[in-house]
């Protein structure tokens, strides 16, 4: 079960990835959050989303991209 914050972060990651087709950084997400949070907080939440299979990290220094599971969740529950 995703928390509200994780759902919001996942939505931002999917939307940003669809717009730019590039891995999304925690800093980019932190700047878009409605409630101010640090990029470290976003990284922790992204790590949890990765552990749960919603996003993946293409390589160590990259941001994250949505997985099939992440896209499916976005379409079913988060798509505006």
PDB file of N, CA and C in Angstrom:
ATOM      1  N   UNK A   1       0.843  -1.187   0.000  1.00  0.00           N
ATOM      2  CA  UNK A   1       0.000   0.000   0.000  1.00  0.00           C
ATOM      3  C   UNK A   1       0.885   1.246   0.000  1.00  0.00           C
ATOM      4  N   UNK A   2       0.637   2.116  -0.945  1.00  0.00           N
ATOM      5  CA  UNK A   2       1.436   3.328  -1.050  1.00  0.00           C
ATOM      6  C   UNK A   2       0.869   4.432  -0.170  1.00  0.00           C
ATOM      7  N   UNK A   3       1.762   5.169   0.470  1.00  0.00           N
ATOM      8  CA  UNK A   3       1.346   6.334   1.251  1.00  0.00           C
ATOM      9  C   UNK A   3       0.975   7.462   0.295  1.00  0.00           C
ATOM     10  N   UNK A   4       0.322   8.490   0.801  1.00  0.00           N
ATOM     11  CA  UNK A   4      -0.034   9.630  -0.042  1.00  0.00           C
ATOM     12  C   UNK A   4       1.215  10.265  -0.650  1.00  0.00           C
ATOM     13  N   UNK A   5       2.283  10.402   0.146  1.00  0.00           N
ATOM     14  CA  UNK A   5       3.509  11.006  -0.352  1.00  0.00           C
ATOM     15  C   UNK A   5       4.115  10.167  -1.480  1.00  0.00           C
ATOM     16  N   UNK A   6       4.144   8.863  -1.310  1.00  0.00           N
ATOM     17  CA  UNK A   6       4.712   7.988  -2.342  1.00  0.00           C
ATOM     18  C   UNK A   6       3.872   8.010  -3.608  1.00  0.00           C
ATOM     19  N   UNK A   7       2.555   8.051  -3.460  1.00  0.00           N
ATOM     20  CA  UNK A   7       1.683   8.162  -4.636  1.00  0.00           C
ATOM     21  C   UNK A   7       1.974   9.455  -5.392  1.00  0.00           C
ATOM     22  N   UNK A   8       2.128  10.549  -4.640  1.00  0.00           N
ATOM     23  CA  UNK A   8       2.405  11.848  -5.256  1.00  0.00           C
ATOM     24  C   UNK A   8       3.761  11.825  -5.970  1.00  0.00           C
ATOM     25  N   UNK A   9       4.766  11.260  -5.331  1.00  0.00           N
ATOM     26  CA  UNK A   9       6.093  11.169  -5.939  1.00  0.00           C
ATOM     27  C   UNK A   9       6.052  10.292  -7.181  1.00  0.00           C
ATOM     28  N   UNK A  10       5.369   9.163  -7.109  1.00  0.00           N
ATOM     29  CA  UNK A  10       5.249   8.287  -8.277  1.00  0.00           C
ATOM     30  C   UNK A  10       4.564   9.016  -9.422  1.00  0.00           C
ATOM     31  N   UNK A  11       3.504   9.743  -9.133  1.00  0.00           N
ATOM     32  CA  UNK A  11       2.796  10.502 -10.173  1.00  0.00           C
ATOM     33  C   UNK A  11       3.739  11.513 -10.822  1.00  0.00           C
ATOM     34  N   UNK A  12       4.515  12.234 -10.013  1.00  0.00           N
ATOM     35  CA  UNK A  12       5.455  13.211 -10.551  1.00  0.00           C
ATOM     36  C   UNK A  12       6.534  12.547 -11.401  1.00  0.00           C
ATOM     37  N   UNK A  13       7.026  11.396 -10.962  1.00  0.00           N
ATOM     38  CA  UNK A  13       8.048  10.681 -11.726  1.00  0.00           C
ATOM     39  C   UNK A  13       7.498  10.248 -13.080  1.00  0.00           C
ATOM     40  N   UNK A  14       6.321   9.646 -13.087  1.00  0.00           N
ATOM     41  CA  UNK A  14       5.741   9.169 -14.351  1.00  0.00           C
ATOM     42  C   UNK A  14       5.486  10.338 -15.293  1.00  0.00           C
ATOM     43  N   UNK A  15       4.881  11.406 -14.790  1.00  0.00           N
ATOM     44  CA  UNK A  15       4.577  12.555 -15.637  1.00  0.00           C
ATOM     45  C   UNK A  15       5.860  13.184 -16.189  1.00  0.00           C
ATOM     46  N   UNK A  16       6.874  13.331 -15.336  1.00  0.00           N
ATOM     47  CA  UNK A  16       8.137  13.929 -15.775  1.00  0.00           C
ATOM     48  C   UNK A  16       8.837  13.036 -16.794  1.00  0.00           C
ATOM     49  N   UNK A  17       8.779  11.728 -16.563  1.00  0.00           N
ATOM     50  CA  UNK A  17       9.413  10.798 -17.499  1.00  0.00           C
ATOM     51  C   UNK A  17       8.690  10.789 -18.841  1.00  0.00           C
ATOM     52  N   UNK A  18       7.378  10.870 -18.823  1.00  0.00           N
ATOM     53  CA  UNK A  18       6.608  10.922 -20.071  1.00  0.00           C
ATOM     54  C   UNK A  18       6.952  12.198 -20.839  1.00  0.00           C
ATOM     55  N   UNK A  19       7.100  13.310 -20.129  1.00  0.00           N
ATOM     56  CA  UNK A  19       7.414  14.585 -20.778  1.00  0.00           C
ATOM     57  C   UNK A  19       8.826  14.626 -21.357  1.00  0.00           C
ATOM     58  N   UNK A  20       9.809  14.071 -20.631  1.00  0.00           N
ATOM     59  CA  UNK A  20      11.186  14.232 -21.057  1.00  0.00           C
ATOM     60  C   UNK A  20      11.916  13.000 -21.517  1.00  0.00           C
ATOM     61  N   UNK A  21      11.380  11.823 -21.235  1.00  0.00           N
ATOM     62  CA  UNK A  21      12.012  10.544 -21.596  1.00  0.00           C
ATOM     63  C   UNK A  21      13.426  10.409 -21.034  1.00  0.00           C
ATOM     64  N   UNK A  22      13.675  11.044 -19.876  1.00  0.00           N
ATOM     65  CA  UNK A  22      14.958  10.941 -19.187  1.00  0.00           C
ATOM     66  C   UNK A  22      14.713  10.521 -17.747  1.00  0.00           C
ATOM     67  N   UNK A  23      15.659   9.801 -17.138  1.00  0.00           N
ATOM     68  CA  UNK A  23      15.500   9.449 -15.728  1.00  0.00           C
ATOM     69  C   UNK A  23      15.262  10.702 -14.877  1.00  0.00           C
ATOM     70  N   UNK A  24      14.425  10.575 -13.868  1.00  0.00           N
ATOM     71  CA  UNK A  24      13.998  11.702 -13.045  1.00  0.00           C
ATOM     72  C   UNK A  24      14.781  11.704 -11.737  1.00  0.00           C
ATOM     73  N   UNK A  25      15.371  12.854 -11.413  1.00  0.00           N
ATOM     74  CA  UNK A  25      16.175  12.969 -10.197  1.00  0.00           C
ATOM     75  C   UNK A  25      15.318  13.332  -8.986  1.00  0.00           C
ATOM     76  N   UNK A  26      15.845  13.033  -7.813  1.00  0.00           N
ATOM     77  CA  UNK A  26      15.149  13.386  -6.573  1.00  0.00           C
ATOM     78  C   UNK A  26      15.061  14.901  -6.420  1.00  0.00           C
ATOM     79  N   UNK A  27      16.073  15.623  -6.887  1.00  0.00           N
ATOM     80  CA  UNK A  27      16.066  17.081  -6.805  1.00  0.00           C
ATOM     81  C   UNK A  27      14.933  17.665  -7.649  1.00  0.00           C
ATOM     82  N   UNK A  28      14.733  17.122  -8.842  1.00  0.00           N
ATOM     83  CA  UNK A  28      13.649  17.595  -9.712  1.00  0.00           C
ATOM     84  C   UNK A  28      12.294  17.364  -9.054  1.00  0.00           C
ATOM     85  N   UNK A  29      12.138  16.225  -8.410  1.00  0.00           N
ATOM     86  CA  UNK A  29      10.870  15.920  -7.723  1.00  0.00           C
ATOM     87  C   UNK A  29      10.687  16.827  -6.512  1.00  0.00           C
ATOM     88  N   UNK A  30      11.739  17.032  -5.736  1.00  0.00           N
ATOM     89  CA  UNK A  30      11.653  17.879  -4.539  1.00  0.00           C
ATOM     90  C   UNK A  30      11.205  19.291  -4.898  1.00  0.00           C
ATOM     91  N   UNK A  31      11.661  19.795  -6.042  1.00  0.00           N
ATOM     92  CA  UNK A  31      11.262  21.139  -6.474  1.00  0.00           C
ATOM     93  C   UNK A  31       9.792  21.207  -6.882  1.00  0.00           C
ATOM     94  N   UNK A  32       9.200  20.078  -7.262  1.00  0.00           N
ATOM     95  CA  UNK A  32       7.810  20.063  -7.719  1.00  0.00           C
ATOM     96  C   UNK A  32       6.814  19.705  -6.623  1.00  0.00           C
ATOM     97  N   UNK A  33       7.299  19.319  -5.459  1.00  0.00           N
ATOM     98  CA  UNK A  33       6.404  18.907  -4.384  1.00  0.00           C
ATOM     99  C   UNK A  33       5.617  20.107  -3.851  1.00  0.00           C
ATOM    100  N   UNK A  34       4.351  19.889  -3.555  1.00  0.00           N
ATOM    101  CA  UNK A  34       3.497  20.949  -3.023  1.00  0.00           C
ATOM    102  C   UNK A  34       3.952  21.351  -1.611  1.00  0.00           C
ATOM    103  N   UNK A  35       4.329  20.375  -0.813  1.00  0.00           N
ATOM    104  CA  UNK A  35       4.843  20.623   0.529  1.00  0.00           C
ATOM    105  C   UNK A  35       6.358  20.518   0.451  1.00  0.00           C
ATOM    106  N   UNK A  36       7.087  21.547   0.898  1.00  0.00           N
ATOM    107  CA  UNK A  36       8.542  21.511   0.781  1.00  0.00           C
ATOM    108  C   UNK A  36       9.172  20.314   1.512  1.00  0.00           C
ATOM    109  N   UNK A  37       9.963  19.551   0.790  1.00  0.00           N
ATOM    110  CA  UNK A  37      10.726  18.437   1.359  1.00  0.00           C
ATOM    111  C   UNK A  37      12.121  18.472   0.748  1.00  0.00           C
ATOM    112  N   UNK A  38      13.072  17.899   1.455  1.00  0.00           N
ATOM    113  CA  UNK A  38      14.439  17.874   0.940  1.00  0.00           C
ATOM    114  C   UNK A  38      14.583  16.783  -0.113  1.00  0.00           C
ATOM    115  N   UNK A  39      15.613  16.916  -0.929  1.00  0.00           N
ATOM    116  CA  UNK A  39      15.855  15.889  -1.933  1.00  0.00           C
ATOM    117  C   UNK A  39      16.240  14.571  -1.262  1.00  0.00           C
ATOM    118  N   UNK A  40      16.820  14.634  -0.045  1.00  0.00           N
ATOM    119  CA  UNK A  40      17.146  13.402   0.690  1.00  0.00           C
ATOM    120  C   UNK A  40      15.872  12.657   1.084  1.00  0.00           C
ATOM    121  N   UNK A  41      14.858  13.383   1.493  1.00  0.00           N
ATOM    122  CA  UNK A  41      13.571  12.762   1.827  1.00  0.00           C
ATOM    123  C   UNK A  41      12.980  12.101   0.590  1.00  0.00           C
ATOM    124  N   UNK A  42      13.046  12.806  -0.541  1.00  0.00           N
ATOM    125  CA  UNK A  42      12.526  12.246  -1.789  1.00  0.00           C
ATOM    126  C   UNK A  42      13.328  11.002  -2.168  1.00  0.00           C
ATOM    127  N   UNK A  43      14.654  11.035  -2.003  1.00  0.00           N
ATOM    128  CA  UNK A  43      15.482   9.859  -2.320  1.00  0.00           C
ATOM    129  C   UNK A  43      15.065   8.663  -1.474  1.00  0.00           C
ATOM    130  N   UNK A  44      14.779   8.886  -0.191  1.00  0.00           N
ATOM    131  CA  UNK A  44      14.324   7.789   0.674  1.00  0.00           C
ATOM    132  C   UNK A  44      13.001   7.207   0.183  1.00  0.00           C
ATOM    133  N   UNK A  45      12.090   8.078  -0.202  1.00  0.00           N
ATOM    134  CA  UNK A  45      10.798   7.610  -0.710  1.00  0.00           C
ATOM    135  C   UNK A  45      10.977   6.895  -2.058  1.00  0.00           C
ATOM    136  N   UNK A  46      11.880   7.407  -2.879  1.00  0.00           N
ATOM    137  CA  UNK A  46      12.151   6.762  -4.165  1.00  0.00           C
ATOM    138  C   UNK A  46      12.772   5.382  -3.946  1.00  0.00           C
ATOM    139  N   UNK A  47      13.622   5.257  -2.947  1.00  0.00           N
ATOM    140  CA  UNK A  47      14.216   3.950  -2.637  1.00  0.00           C
ATOM    141  C   UNK A  47      13.122   2.961  -2.239  1.00  0.00           C
ATOM    142  N   UNK A  48      12.147   3.429  -1.460  1.00  0.00           N
ATOM    143  CA  UNK A  48      11.035   2.560  -1.064  1.00  0.00           C
ATOM    144  C   UNK A  48      10.196   2.179  -2.285  1.00  0.00           C
ATOM    145  N   UNK A  49       9.932   3.140  -3.169  1.00  0.00           N
ATOM    146  CA  UNK A  49       9.183   2.839  -4.395  1.00  0.00           C
ATOM    147  C   UNK A  49       9.945   1.844  -5.264  1.00  0.00           C
ATOM    148  N   UNK A  50      11.260   1.962  -5.275  1.00  0.00           N
ATOM    149  CA  UNK A  50      12.077   1.015  -6.037  1.00  0.00           C
ATOM    150  C   UNK A  50      12.013  -0.378  -5.411  1.00  0.00           C
ATOM    151  N   UNK A  51      12.093  -0.442  -4.089  1.00  0.00           N
ATOM    152  CA  UNK A  51      11.994  -1.731  -3.392  1.00  0.00           C
ATOM    153  C   UNK A  51      10.657  -2.416  -3.657  1.00  0.00           C
ATOM    154  N   UNK A  52       9.607  -1.608  -3.813  1.00  0.00           N
ATOM    155  CA  UNK A  52       8.266  -2.142  -4.052  1.00  0.00           C
ATOM    156  C   UNK A  52       8.006  -2.410  -5.536  1.00  0.00           C
ATOM    157  N   UNK A  53       8.970  -2.066  -6.403  1.00  0.00           N
ATOM    158  CA  UNK A  53       8.860  -2.393  -7.816  1.00  0.00           C
ATOM    159  C   UNK A  53       8.156  -1.374  -8.688  1.00  0.00           C
ATOM    160  N   UNK A  54       7.888  -0.165  -8.176  1.00  0.00           N
ATOM    161  CA  UNK A  54       7.181   0.843  -8.951  1.00  0.00           C
ATOM    162  C   UNK A  54       8.098   1.660  -9.855  1.00  0.00           C
ATOM    163  N   UNK A  55       9.369   1.776  -9.484  1.00  0.00           N
ATOM    164  CA  UNK A  55      10.341   2.506 -10.291  1.00  0.00           C
ATOM    165  C   UNK A  55      11.637   1.713 -10.323  1.00  0.00           C
ATOM    166  N   UNK A  56      12.489   2.040 -11.284  1.00  0.00           N
ATOM    167  CA  UNK A  56      13.802   1.401 -11.392  1.00  0.00           C
ATOM    168  C   UNK A  56      14.851   2.477 -11.641  1.00  0.00           C
ATOM    169  N   UNK A  57      16.083   2.143 -11.307  1.00  0.00           N
ATOM    170  CA  UNK A  57      17.205   3.042 -11.539  1.00  0.00           C
ATOM    171  C   UNK A  57      18.085   2.413 -12.623  1.00  0.00           C
ATOM    172  N   UNK A  58      18.125   3.018 -13.823  1.00  0.00           N
ATOM    173  CA  UNK A  58      18.857   2.420 -14.939  1.00  0.00           C
ATOM    174  C   UNK A  58      20.330   2.139 -14.624  1.00  0.00           C
ATOM    175  N   UNK A  59      20.971   3.046 -13.910  1.00  0.00           N
ATOM    176  CA  UNK A  59      22.334   2.818 -13.430  1.00  0.00           C
ATOM    177  C   UNK A  59      22.568   3.696 -12.206  1.00  0.00           C
ATOM    178  N   UNK A  60      23.653   3.473 -11.520  1.00  0.00           N
ATOM    179  CA  UNK A  60      23.906   4.061 -10.205  1.00  0.00           C
ATOM    180  C   UNK A  60      23.767   5.576 -10.163  1.00  0.00           C
ATOM    181  N   UNK A  61      24.275   6.272 -11.145  1.00  0.00           N
ATOM    182  CA  UNK A  61      24.253   7.736 -11.081  1.00  0.00           C
ATOM    183  C   UNK A  61      23.017   8.357 -11.735  1.00  0.00           C
ATOM    184  N   UNK A  62      22.094   7.531 -12.196  1.00  0.00           N
ATOM    185  CA  UNK A  62      20.901   8.047 -12.880  1.00  0.00           C
ATOM    186  C   UNK A  62      19.771   8.287 -11.893  1.00  0.00           C
ATOM    187  N   UNK A  63      18.781   9.034 -12.360  1.00  0.00           N
ATOM    188  CA  UNK A  63      17.546   9.161 -11.613  1.00  0.00           C
ATOM    189  C   UNK A  63      16.740   7.883 -11.780  1.00  0.00           C
ATOM    190  N   UNK A  64      15.453   7.973 -11.520  1.00  0.00           N
ATOM    191  CA  UNK A  64      14.603   6.788 -11.613  1.00  0.00           C
ATOM    192  C   UNK A  64      13.643   6.914 -12.790  1.00  0.00           C
ATOM    193  N   UNK A  65      13.197   5.757 -13.266  1.00  0.00           N
ATOM    194  CA  UNK A  65      12.190   5.696 -14.321  1.00  0.00           C
ATOM    195  C   UNK A  65      11.087   4.738 -13.858  1.00  0.00           C
ATOM    196  N   UNK A  66       9.873   4.936 -14.340  1.00  0.00           N
ATOM    197  CA  UNK A  66       8.780   4.049 -13.941  1.00  0.00           C
ATOM    198  C   UNK A  66       8.974   2.634 -14.489  1.00  0.00           C
ATOM    199  N   UNK A  67       8.578   1.656 -13.719  1.00  0.00           N
ATOM    200  CA  UNK A  67       8.558   0.263 -14.183  1.00  0.00           C
ATOM    201  C   UNK A  67       7.178  -0.009 -14.780  1.00  0.00           C
ATOM    202  N   UNK A  68       6.988  -1.189 -15.310  1.00  0.00           N
ATOM    203  CA  UNK A  68       5.661  -1.569 -15.804  1.00  0.00           C
ATOM    204  C   UNK A  68       4.621  -1.471 -14.688  1.00  0.00           C
ATOM    205  N   UNK A  69       5.005  -1.928 -13.497  1.00  0.00           N
ATOM    206  CA  UNK A  69       4.104  -1.859 -12.341  1.00  0.00           C
ATOM    207  C   UNK A  69       3.772  -0.404 -12.012  1.00  0.00           C
ATOM    208  N   UNK A  70       4.767   0.481 -12.100  1.00  0.00           N
ATOM    209  CA  UNK A  70       4.548   1.899 -11.829  1.00  0.00           C
ATOM    210  C   UNK A  70       3.611   2.541 -12.828  1.00  0.00           C
ATOM    211  N   UNK A  71       3.815   2.223 -14.116  1.00  0.00           N
ATOM    212  CA  UNK A  71       2.908   2.729 -15.148  1.00  0.00           C
ATOM    213  C   UNK A  71       1.484   2.229 -14.924  1.00  0.00           C
ATOM    214  N   UNK A  72       1.359   0.945 -14.612  1.00  0.00           N
ATOM    215  CA  UNK A  72       0.039   0.352 -14.398  1.00  0.00           C
ATOM    216  C   UNK A  72      -0.676   1.048 -13.232  1.00  0.00           C
ATOM    217  N   UNK A  73       0.057   1.287 -12.131  1.00  0.00           N
ATOM    218  CA  UNK A  73      -0.535   1.961 -10.971  1.00  0.00           C
ATOM    219  C   UNK A  73      -0.956   3.384 -11.345  1.00  0.00           C
ATOM    220  N   UNK A  74      -0.110   4.063 -12.099  1.00  0.00           N
ATOM    221  CA  UNK A  74      -0.429   5.424 -12.534  1.00  0.00           C
ATOM    222  C   UNK A  74      -1.723   5.450 -13.337  1.00  0.00           C
ATOM    223  N   UNK A  75      -1.844   4.560 -14.309  1.00  0.00           N
ATOM    224  CA  UNK A  75      -3.029   4.538 -15.163  1.00  0.00           C
ATOM    225  C   UNK A  75      -4.276   4.170 -14.371  1.00  0.00           C
ATOM    226  N   UNK A  76      -4.171   3.224 -13.471  1.00  0.00           N
ATOM    227  CA  UNK A  76      -5.339   2.769 -12.728  1.00  0.00           C
ATOM    228  C   UNK A  76      -5.776   3.705 -11.614  1.00  0.00           C
ATOM    229  N   UNK A  77      -4.821   4.383 -10.963  1.00  0.00           N
ATOM    230  CA  UNK A  77      -5.173   5.135  -9.746  1.00  0.00           C
ATOM    231  C   UNK A  77      -4.778   6.596  -9.747  1.00  0.00           C
ATOM    232  N   UNK A  78      -3.819   7.035 -10.550  1.00  0.00           N
ATOM    233  CA  UNK A  78      -3.283   8.377 -10.421  1.00  0.00           C
ATOM    234  C   UNK A  78      -3.530   9.279 -11.618  1.00  0.00           C
ATOM    235  N   UNK A  79      -3.872   8.702 -12.739  1.00  0.00           N
ATOM    236  CA  UNK A  79      -4.015   9.486 -13.966  1.00  0.00           C
ATOM    237  C   UNK A  79      -5.149  10.492 -13.823  1.00  0.00           C
ATOM    238  N   UNK A  80      -4.837  11.767 -14.147  1.00  0.00           N
ATOM    239  CA  UNK A  80      -5.876  12.801 -14.005  1.00  0.00           C
ATOM    240  C   UNK A  80      -7.018  12.637 -14.996  1.00  0.00           C
TER     241      UNK A  80
END
